Amino acid sequence: MDLEQKIEQSYRVLDSLPVEGKYILAFSGGKDSHVVLGVYLSWCQSRSAALDIKVVFSDTGLEAPKLYGLINSAEIACKSKGLEFIQTKPDISKSYWVIQFGLGYPVPTHRNRWCTNNLKVRPMQKVKGIPITGVHKGESSQRDKRLNSCATGECGISDISNGVEPIREWRNCDVWDYITIYLDDVLYQGACDNIMSMYEISESQTGSLRMGCIMCPVVSEKRIRENVEKGISPSYSIELREVLEKLRCVGGGVSLRRIS
C-alpha cells in the first residue's frame, strides 16, 4: 500500500470507534505520536467528525529539553483546535530518583522496566479513556514479533490494555513521509522541522529512532553521548548515566546512604 492508502486504512480504524466512548491519545512528543495526532486531526476534517478525546503527555521529569519544546508546541496547536491537552506526572513518591535511591530498586533493564510503569503508564491511567497509541511495525524486528503476537511489551505499551493502534501497519518510511508531507498543514507550520531536529532519519526501516529519558539505562551509552553531542540532551546526562552504571555494577539497587 502507498501512504494515501495507509492513511485511509488508519481512518477506517478511527471510523470503527464508538462515538460515545472516551479516549486518550497517548502523546510522547516523539515522531509516532505526532503522526497519530496528525492522522486524528485530518480524520476529523475528512469525516466532519470528532471523538471525545484528550491528548495526554506523561511527563517523567527526565525528558530532553528539546522534547519539552515539541510538547509545548503541540499543546498550543491542540488547544487552538479545541483539543484538550493534559500533562500528567508521577507522584513524588513514585519519581525515578526516589524509587531508585530511596527504595533501592535495581537499575532498569530491558526485562525490568519498572520505571516505565511508574513514570509513564500509571500517571497516564489517571486520565480515564481508551488509549490511542502510535505503535507501528517496522521499527525493529523484535517489535514486529511482539506486534504479531498481539503483545508489544515496548516501553510499557503492553501495560496500556485495550489500546487502539491506528498506524499499526505503517513503516518508518511512512511515518517520515507523513511528517514531511502533511504534518505542517494538519498540526502547525514548522512541526516537520522541529521533529527533524530531534532525529536522524535512517535509510533503513529497522532500528529504533525512539528517545527515552536523558540518562535512560536501557538504551546504549553511545546513544546517550550522541544525544548530548547533538545538543538534544544536557551534558549532565552522561554523568547521570555513569552513576547508574556504577550502581548496576555493585548490585543494581542500594540505598542513597550506602553510596554517599
C-alpha atoms as a PDB file:
ATOM      1  CA  MET A   1       0.000   0.000   0.000  1.00  0.00           C
ATOM      2  CA  ASP A   2       1.119   3.555  -0.643  1.00  0.00           C
ATOM      3  CA  LEU A   3       0.920   6.278   2.020  1.00  0.00           C
ATOM      4  CA  GLU A   4      -2.518   7.542   0.956  1.00  0.00           C
ATOM      5  CA  GLN A   5      -3.920   4.023   1.263  1.00  0.00           C
ATOM      6  CA  LYS A   6      -2.391   3.602   4.710  1.00  0.00           C
ATOM      7  CA  ILE A   7      -3.867   6.937   5.799  1.00  0.00           C
ATOM      8  CA  GLU A   8      -7.289   5.758   4.651  1.00  0.00           C
ATOM      9  CA  GLN A   9      -6.716   2.476   6.488  1.00  0.00           C
ATOM     10  CA  SER A  10      -5.986   4.478   9.658  1.00  0.00           C
ATOM     11  CA  TYR A  11      -9.157   6.496   9.074  1.00  0.00           C
ATOM     12  CA  ARG A  12     -11.137   3.263   8.978  1.00  0.00           C
ATOM     13  CA  VAL A  13      -9.722   2.298  12.377  1.00  0.00           C
ATOM     14  CA  LEU A  14     -10.971   5.619  13.756  1.00  0.00           C
ATOM     15  CA  ASP A  15     -14.282   5.157  11.914  1.00  0.00           C
ATOM     16  CA  SER A  16     -14.794   1.916  13.816  1.00  0.00           C
ATOM     17  CA  LEU A  17     -14.571   3.535  17.259  1.00  0.00           C
ATOM     18  CA  PRO A  18     -17.862   4.082  19.114  1.00  0.00           C
ATOM     19  CA  VAL A  19     -18.576   7.819  19.233  1.00  0.00           C
ATOM     20  CA  GLU A  20     -19.966   7.507  22.764  1.00  0.00           C
ATOM     21  CA  GLY A  21     -16.593   6.258  24.039  1.00  0.00           C
ATOM     22  CA  LYS A  22     -13.965   8.311  25.855  1.00  0.00           C
ATOM     23  CA  TYR A  23     -10.401   8.218  24.501  1.00  0.00           C
ATOM     24  CA  ILE A  24      -6.924   9.414  25.357  1.00  0.00           C
ATOM     25  CA  LEU A  25      -4.298   9.957  22.678  1.00  0.00           C
ATOM     26  CA  ALA A  26      -1.027   8.937  24.326  1.00  0.00           C
ATOM     27  CA  PHE A  27       1.363  11.687  23.257  1.00  0.00           C
ATOM     28  CA  SER A  28       5.060  11.122  23.994  1.00  0.00           C
ATOM     29  CA  GLY A  29       6.310  14.000  21.857  1.00  0.00           C
ATOM     30  CA  GLY A  30       8.079  11.577  19.518  1.00  0.00           C
ATOM     31  CA  LYS A  31       7.566  11.189  15.791  1.00  0.00           C
ATOM     32  CA  ASP A  32       4.992   8.375  16.034  1.00  0.00           C
ATOM     33  CA  SER A  33       2.687  10.170  18.451  1.00  0.00           C
ATOM     34  CA  HIS A  34       2.934  13.322  16.318  1.00  0.00           C
ATOM     35  CA  VAL A  35       1.768  11.294  13.331  1.00  0.00           C
ATOM     36  CA  VAL A  36      -1.149   9.727  15.231  1.00  0.00           C
ATOM     37  CA  LEU A  37      -2.205  13.200  16.363  1.00  0.00           C
ATOM     38  CA  GLY A  38      -1.928  14.447  12.783  1.00  0.00           C
ATOM     39  CA  VAL A  39      -3.917  11.499  11.450  1.00  0.00           C
ATOM     40  CA  TYR A  40      -6.643  12.095  14.033  1.00  0.00           C
ATOM     41  CA  LEU A  41      -6.894  15.797  13.159  1.00  0.00           C
ATOM     42  CA  SER A  42      -7.033  15.079   9.431  1.00  0.00           C
ATOM     43  CA  TRP A  43      -9.645  12.350  10.070  1.00  0.00           C
ATOM     44  CA  CYS A  44     -11.775  14.916  11.901  1.00  0.00           C
ATOM     45  CA  GLN A  45     -11.586  17.194   8.877  1.00  0.00           C
ATOM     46  CA  SER A  46     -12.149  14.427   6.343  1.00  0.00           C
ATOM     47  CA  ARG A  47     -15.121  12.897   8.151  1.00  0.00           C
ATOM     48  CA  SER A  48     -16.532  16.099   9.676  1.00  0.00           C
ATOM     49  CA  ALA A  49     -16.473  14.170  12.937  1.00  0.00           C
ATOM     50  CA  ALA A  50     -14.738  14.109  16.307  1.00  0.00           C
ATOM     51  CA  LEU A  51     -14.269  11.793  19.262  1.00  0.00           C
ATOM     52  CA  ASP A  52     -14.459  12.556  22.968  1.00  0.00           C
ATOM     53  CA  ILE A  53     -10.688  12.580  23.217  1.00  0.00           C
ATOM     54  CA  LYS A  54      -7.950  14.083  25.355  1.00  0.00           C
ATOM     55  CA  VAL A  55      -4.299  14.323  24.308  1.00  0.00           C
ATOM     56  CA  VAL A  56      -2.166  13.202  27.267  1.00  0.00           C
ATOM     57  CA  PHE A  57       1.566  13.646  27.814  1.00  0.00           C
ATOM     58  CA  SER A  58       3.022  11.737  30.770  1.00  0.00           C
ATOM     59  CA  ASP A  59       5.989  13.782  31.966  1.00  0.00           C
ATOM     60  CA  THR A  60       8.714  11.725  33.649  1.00  0.00           C
ATOM     61  CA  GLY A  61      10.597  14.894  34.605  1.00  0.00           C
ATOM     62  CA  LEU A  62      13.593  13.416  32.780  1.00  0.00           C
ATOM     63  CA  GLU A  63      12.795  14.252  29.173  1.00  0.00           C
ATOM     64  CA  ALA A  64      15.262  16.005  26.883  1.00  0.00           C
ATOM     65  CA  PRO A  65      14.840  19.806  26.974  1.00  0.00           C
ATOM     66  CA  LYS A  66      14.175  19.920  23.224  1.00  0.00           C
ATOM     67  CA  LEU A  67      11.412  17.366  23.666  1.00  0.00           C
ATOM     68  CA  TYR A  68       9.662  19.716  26.077  1.00  0.00           C
ATOM     69  CA  GLY A  69       9.796  22.283  23.283  1.00  0.00           C
ATOM     70  CA  LEU A  70       7.966  19.865  20.983  1.00  0.00           C
ATOM     71  CA  ILE A  71       5.419  19.150  23.705  1.00  0.00           C
ATOM     72  CA  ASN A  72       4.725  22.835  24.296  1.00  0.00           C
ATOM     73  CA  SER A  73       4.268  23.499  20.569  1.00  0.00           C
ATOM     74  CA  ALA A  74       1.909  20.538  20.235  1.00  0.00           C
ATOM     75  CA  GLU A  75      -0.074  21.672  23.270  1.00  0.00           C
ATOM     76  CA  ILE A  76      -0.556  25.144  21.800  1.00  0.00           C
ATOM     77  CA  ALA A  77      -1.635  23.625  18.471  1.00  0.00           C
ATOM     78  CA  CYS A  78      -4.094  21.250  20.149  1.00  0.00           C
ATOM     79  CA  LYS A  79      -5.702  23.983  22.217  1.00  0.00           C
ATOM     80  CA  SER A  80      -6.035  26.188  19.134  1.00  0.00           C
ATOM     81  CA  LYS A  81      -8.005  23.335  17.516  1.00  0.00           C
ATOM     82  CA  GLY A  82     -10.236  22.764  20.525  1.00  0.00           C
ATOM     83  CA  LEU A  83      -8.438  19.625  21.730  1.00  0.00           C
ATOM     84  CA  GLU A  84      -7.849  19.229  25.448  1.00  0.00           C
ATOM     85  CA  PHE A  85      -4.153  18.650  26.226  1.00  0.00           C
ATOM     86  CA  ILE A  86      -3.223  17.241  29.634  1.00  0.00           C
ATOM     87  CA  GLN A  87       0.235  16.839  31.171  1.00  0.00           C
ATOM     88  CA  THR A  88       0.457  14.239  33.928  1.00  0.00           C
ATOM     89  CA  LYS A  89       3.328  13.496  36.314  1.00  0.00           C
ATOM     90  CA  PRO A  90       4.112  10.677  38.749  1.00  0.00           C
ATOM     91  CA  ASP A  91       3.585  11.326  42.432  1.00  0.00           C
ATOM     92  CA  ILE A  92       6.749  12.473  44.212  1.00  0.00           C
ATOM     93  CA  SER A  93       6.907   9.125  45.990  1.00  0.00           C
ATOM     94  CA  LYS A  94       6.986   7.426  42.575  1.00  0.00           C
ATOM     95  CA  SER A  95       9.602   9.649  40.950  1.00  0.00           C
ATOM     96  CA  TYR A  96      12.609   7.943  39.408  1.00  0.00           C
ATOM     97  CA  TRP A  97      15.181   9.080  41.966  1.00  0.00           C
ATOM     98  CA  VAL A  98      13.008   8.254  44.985  1.00  0.00           C
ATOM     99  CA  ILE A  99      12.410   4.724  43.721  1.00  0.00           C
ATOM    100  CA  GLN A 100      15.989   4.167  42.542  1.00  0.00           C
ATOM    101  CA  PHE A 101      17.875   5.541  45.543  1.00  0.00           C
ATOM    102  CA  GLY A 102      15.276   5.887  48.281  1.00  0.00           C
ATOM    103  CA  LEU A 103      13.736   2.430  47.859  1.00  0.00           C
ATOM    104  CA  GLY A 104      16.812   0.765  46.380  1.00  0.00           C
ATOM    105  CA  TYR A 105      15.221  -0.619  43.233  1.00  0.00           C
ATOM    106  CA  PRO A 106      17.593  -2.246  40.699  1.00  0.00           C
ATOM    107  CA  VAL A 107      18.732  -0.191  37.738  1.00  0.00           C
ATOM    108  CA  PRO A 108      16.128  -0.720  34.972  1.00  0.00           C
ATOM    109  CA  THR A 109      16.872  -3.252  32.235  1.00  0.00           C
ATOM    110  CA  HIS A 110      15.026  -4.437  29.127  1.00  0.00           C
ATOM    111  CA  ARG A 111      13.489  -7.199  31.242  1.00  0.00           C
ATOM    112  CA  ASN A 112      12.674  -4.997  34.226  1.00  0.00           C
ATOM    113  CA  ARG A 113      11.421  -1.575  33.151  1.00  0.00           C
ATOM    114  CA  TRP A 114       9.807  -0.635  36.435  1.00  0.00           C
ATOM    115  CA  CYS A 115      10.486   2.983  35.520  1.00  0.00           C
ATOM    116  CA  THR A 116       8.024   2.952  32.609  1.00  0.00           C
ATOM    117  CA  ASN A 117       5.144   1.669  34.693  1.00  0.00           C
ATOM    118  CA  ASN A 118       5.723   4.178  37.484  1.00  0.00           C
ATOM    119  CA  LEU A 119       6.702   7.223  35.427  1.00  0.00           C
ATOM    120  CA  LYS A 120       4.608   6.814  32.274  1.00  0.00           C
ATOM    121  CA  VAL A 121       1.805   4.265  32.472  1.00  0.00           C
ATOM    122  CA  ARG A 122       0.319   4.870  35.923  1.00  0.00           C
ATOM    123  CA  PRO A 123       0.221   8.677  35.660  1.00  0.00           C
ATOM    124  CA  MET A 124      -1.480   8.374  32.262  1.00  0.00           C
ATOM    125  CA  GLN A 125      -4.025   5.923  33.666  1.00  0.00           C
ATOM    126  CA  LYS A 126      -5.277   8.672  35.964  1.00  0.00           C
ATOM    127  CA  VAL A 127      -6.958  10.111  32.877  1.00  0.00           C
ATOM    128  CA  LYS A 128      -9.860   7.812  32.057  1.00  0.00           C
ATOM    129  CA  GLY A 129     -10.294   6.662  28.488  1.00  0.00           C
ATOM    130  CA  ILE A 130      -9.351   4.086  25.871  1.00  0.00           C
ATOM    131  CA  PRO A 131      -5.738   4.766  24.781  1.00  0.00           C
ATOM    132  CA  ILE A 132      -4.905   5.564  21.174  1.00  0.00           C
ATOM    133  CA  THR A 133      -1.190   4.941  20.588  1.00  0.00           C
ATOM    134  CA  GLY A 134       1.423   5.318  17.854  1.00  0.00           C
ATOM    135  CA  VAL A 135       2.643   1.720  17.961  1.00  0.00           C
ATOM    136  CA  HIS A 136       3.554   0.501  14.490  1.00  0.00           C
ATOM    137  CA  LYS A 137       5.555  -2.121  12.658  1.00  0.00           C
ATOM    138  CA  GLY A 138       8.949  -1.668  11.090  1.00  0.00           C
ATOM    139  CA  GLU A 139      10.909  -0.042  13.908  1.00  0.00           C
ATOM    140  CA  SER A 140      12.663  -3.277  14.847  1.00  0.00           C
ATOM    141  CA  SER A 141      12.332  -6.988  14.186  1.00  0.00           C
ATOM    142  CA  GLN A 142      11.782  -7.538  17.922  1.00  0.00           C
ATOM    143  CA  ARG A 143       8.862  -5.091  18.000  1.00  0.00           C
ATOM    144  CA  ASP A 144       7.348  -6.683  14.900  1.00  0.00           C
ATOM    145  CA  LYS A 145       7.419 -10.092  16.575  1.00  0.00           C
ATOM    146  CA  ARG A 146       5.664  -8.656  19.619  1.00  0.00           C
ATOM    147  CA  LEU A 147       3.082  -6.880  17.474  1.00  0.00           C
ATOM    148  CA  ASN A 148       2.408 -10.053  15.512  1.00  0.00           C
ATOM    149  CA  SER A 149       1.837 -11.874  18.792  1.00  0.00           C
ATOM    150  CA  CYS A 150      -0.522  -9.107  19.978  1.00  0.00           C
ATOM    151  CA  ALA A 151       1.744  -8.054  22.851  1.00  0.00           C
ATOM    152  CA  THR A 152       4.151  -5.212  22.222  1.00  0.00           C
ATOM    153  CA  GLY A 153       5.928  -5.078  25.578  1.00  0.00           C
ATOM    154  CA  GLU A 154       7.667  -1.968  24.244  1.00  0.00           C
ATOM    155  CA  CYS A 155       8.239   0.792  26.791  1.00  0.00           C
ATOM    156  CA  GLY A 156       5.253  -0.355  28.813  1.00  0.00           C
ATOM    157  CA  ILE A 157       2.764  -0.096  25.957  1.00  0.00           C
ATOM    158  CA  SER A 158       1.548  -3.625  26.718  1.00  0.00           C
ATOM    159  CA  ASP A 159       0.516  -2.354  30.147  1.00  0.00           C
ATOM    160  CA  ILE A 160      -1.947   0.004  28.470  1.00  0.00           C
ATOM    161  CA  SER A 161      -4.722  -2.500  27.863  1.00  0.00           C
ATOM    162  CA  ASN A 162      -7.364  -2.363  25.152  1.00  0.00           C
ATOM    163  CA  GLY A 163      -5.470   0.272  23.193  1.00  0.00           C
ATOM    164  CA  VAL A 164      -6.224   1.444  19.645  1.00  0.00           C
ATOM    165  CA  GLU A 165      -3.348   1.477  17.121  1.00  0.00           C
ATOM    166  CA  PRO A 166      -4.368   3.475  14.016  1.00  0.00           C
ATOM    167  CA  ILE A 167      -0.920   3.316  12.363  1.00  0.00           C
ATOM    168  CA  ARG A 168      -0.107  -0.277  13.327  1.00  0.00           C
ATOM    169  CA  GLU A 169       0.634  -1.313   9.720  1.00  0.00           C
ATOM    170  CA  TRP A 170       2.817   1.704   8.926  1.00  0.00           C
ATOM    171  CA  ARG A 171       6.594   1.522   8.444  1.00  0.00           C
ATOM    172  CA  ASN A 172       9.219   4.062   9.482  1.00  0.00           C
ATOM    173  CA  CYS A 173       9.320   5.422   5.944  1.00  0.00           C
ATOM    174  CA  ASP A 174       5.547   6.015   6.045  1.00  0.00           C
ATOM    175  CA  VAL A 175       5.874   7.887   9.332  1.00  0.00           C
ATOM    176  CA  TRP A 176       8.592  10.170   7.967  1.00  0.00           C
ATOM    177  CA  ASP A 177       6.741  10.706   4.689  1.00  0.00           C
ATOM    178  CA  TYR A 178       3.656  11.778   6.606  1.00  0.00           C
ATOM    179  CA  ILE A 179       5.702  14.166   8.740  1.00  0.00           C
ATOM    180  CA  THR A 180       7.364  15.806   5.736  1.00  0.00           C
ATOM    181  CA  ILE A 181       4.270  15.945   3.514  1.00  0.00           C
ATOM    182  CA  TYR A 182       1.298  16.531   5.802  1.00  0.00           C
ATOM    183  CA  LEU A 183       2.186  17.437   9.381  1.00  0.00           C
ATOM    184  CA  ASP A 184       2.732  21.186   8.931  1.00  0.00           C
ATOM    185  CA  ASP A 185      -0.721  21.522   7.375  1.00  0.00           C
ATOM    186  CA  VAL A 186      -2.637  19.442   9.905  1.00  0.00           C
ATOM    187  CA  LEU A 187      -0.785  20.459  13.106  1.00  0.00           C
ATOM    188  CA  TYR A 188       1.241  23.703  12.807  1.00  0.00           C
ATOM    189  CA  GLN A 189       3.750  25.302  10.485  1.00  0.00           C
ATOM    190  CA  GLY A 190       7.271  24.226  11.459  1.00  0.00           C
ATOM    191  CA  ALA A 191       6.233  20.924  13.026  1.00  0.00           C
ATOM    192  CA  CYS A 192       8.261  18.945  10.495  1.00  0.00           C
ATOM    193  CA  ASP A 193      11.439  20.967  11.058  1.00  0.00           C
ATOM    194  CA  ASN A 194      11.045  20.723  14.829  1.00  0.00           C
ATOM    195  CA  ILE A 195      10.774  16.944  14.724  1.00  0.00           C
ATOM    196  CA  MET A 196      13.571  16.581  12.182  1.00  0.00           C
ATOM    197  CA  SER A 197      15.886  18.465  14.531  1.00  0.00           C
ATOM    198  CA  MET A 198      15.319  15.748  17.134  1.00  0.00           C
ATOM    199  CA  TYR A 199      16.011  12.741  14.964  1.00  0.00           C
ATOM    200  CA  GLU A 200      18.374  11.373  12.397  1.00  0.00           C
ATOM    201  CA  ILE A 201      16.448   9.795   9.543  1.00  0.00           C
ATOM    202  CA  SER A 202      17.724   6.290   8.890  1.00  0.00           C
ATOM    203  CA  GLU A 203      17.543   4.851   5.377  1.00  0.00           C
ATOM    204  CA  SER A 204      16.798   1.519   6.981  1.00  0.00           C
ATOM    205  CA  GLN A 205      13.277   0.593   8.045  1.00  0.00           C
ATOM    206  CA  THR A 206      14.697  -1.251  11.032  1.00  0.00           C
ATOM    207  CA  GLY A 207      16.291   0.089  14.159  1.00  0.00           C
ATOM    208  CA  SER A 208      14.905   2.296  16.884  1.00  0.00           C
ATOM    209  CA  LEU A 209      14.700   6.046  16.483  1.00  0.00           C
ATOM    210  CA  ARG A 210      12.816   6.444  19.736  1.00  0.00           C
ATOM    211  CA  MET A 211      14.078   8.589  22.565  1.00  0.00           C
ATOM    212  CA  GLY A 212      13.847   7.978  26.279  1.00  0.00           C
ATOM    213  CA  CYS A 213      14.801   9.760  29.477  1.00  0.00           C
ATOM    214  CA  ILE A 214      18.002  11.769  29.221  1.00  0.00           C
ATOM    215  CA  MET A 215      20.060   9.136  31.077  1.00  0.00           C
ATOM    216  CA  CYS A 216      17.936   6.078  30.173  1.00  0.00           C
ATOM    217  CA  PRO A 217      19.800   2.989  31.469  1.00  0.00           C
ATOM    218  CA  VAL A 218      18.037   0.793  28.891  1.00  0.00           C
ATOM    219  CA  VAL A 219      19.455   2.469  25.776  1.00  0.00           C
ATOM    220  CA  SER A 220      23.161   2.317  24.961  1.00  0.00           C
ATOM    221  CA  GLU A 221      25.699   4.684  26.481  1.00  0.00           C
ATOM    222  CA  LYS A 222      26.685   5.528  22.911  1.00  0.00           C
ATOM    223  CA  ARG A 223      23.161   6.819  22.234  1.00  0.00           C
ATOM    224  CA  ILE A 224      23.281   8.958  25.391  1.00  0.00           C
ATOM    225  CA  ARG A 225      26.563  10.515  24.258  1.00  0.00           C
ATOM    226  CA  GLU A 226      25.268  11.075  20.736  1.00  0.00           C
ATOM    227  CA  ASN A 227      22.210  12.896  22.075  1.00  0.00           C
ATOM    228  CA  VAL A 228      24.472  15.130  24.156  1.00  0.00           C
ATOM    229  CA  GLU A 229      26.762  15.823  21.180  1.00  0.00           C
ATOM    230  CA  LYS A 230      23.745  16.762  19.035  1.00  0.00           C
ATOM    231  CA  GLY A 231      22.509  19.154  21.687  1.00  0.00           C
ATOM    232  CA  ILE A 232      19.350  17.114  22.270  1.00  0.00           C
ATOM    233  CA  SER A 233      20.184  16.193  25.865  1.00  0.00           C
ATOM    234  CA  PRO A 234      22.110  18.196  28.512  1.00  0.00           C
ATOM    235  CA  SER A 235      25.749  17.348  29.207  1.00  0.00           C
ATOM    236  CA  TYR A 236      24.992  16.045  32.688  1.00  0.00           C
ATOM    237  CA  SER A 237      23.067  13.160  31.091  1.00  0.00           C
ATOM    238  CA  ILE A 238      26.401  11.365  30.680  1.00  0.00           C
ATOM    239  CA  GLU A 239      27.273  11.823  34.342  1.00  0.00           C
ATOM    240  CA  LEU A 240      23.876  10.545  35.446  1.00  0.00           C
ATOM    241  CA  ARG A 241      24.254   7.505  33.230  1.00  0.00           C
ATOM    242  CA  GLU A 242      27.737   6.807  34.642  1.00  0.00           C
ATOM    243  CA  VAL A 243      26.290   6.864  38.167  1.00  0.00           C
ATOM    244  CA  LEU A 244      23.657   4.327  37.146  1.00  0.00           C
ATOM    245  CA  GLU A 245      26.264   2.075  35.523  1.00  0.00           C
ATOM    246  CA  LYS A 246      28.318   2.096  38.729  1.00  0.00           C
ATOM    247  CA  LEU A 247      25.183   1.279  40.676  1.00  0.00           C
ATOM    248  CA  ARG A 248      24.415  -1.552  38.274  1.00  0.00           C
ATOM    249  CA  CYS A 249      27.895  -2.997  38.823  1.00  0.00           C
ATOM    250  CA  VAL A 250      27.510  -3.116  42.620  1.00  0.00           C
ATOM    251  CA  GLY A 251      24.233  -4.972  42.525  1.00  0.00           C
ATOM    252  CA  GLY A 252      21.728  -2.646  40.920  1.00  0.00           C
ATOM    253  CA  GLY A 253      19.973  -1.298  43.985  1.00  0.00           C
ATOM    254  CA  VAL A 254      21.409   0.178  47.162  1.00  0.00           C
ATOM    255  CA  SER A 255      20.307   2.981  49.406  1.00  0.00           C
ATOM    256  CA  LEU A 256      21.459   6.547  48.932  1.00  0.00           C
ATOM    257  CA  ARG A 257      23.247   6.414  52.269  1.00  0.00           C
ATOM    258  CA  ARG A 258      25.349   3.435  51.192  1.00  0.00           C
ATOM    259  CA  ILE A 259      26.688   5.100  48.055  1.00  0.00           C
ATOM    260  CA  SER A 260      27.271   8.551  49.592  1.00  0.00           C
END
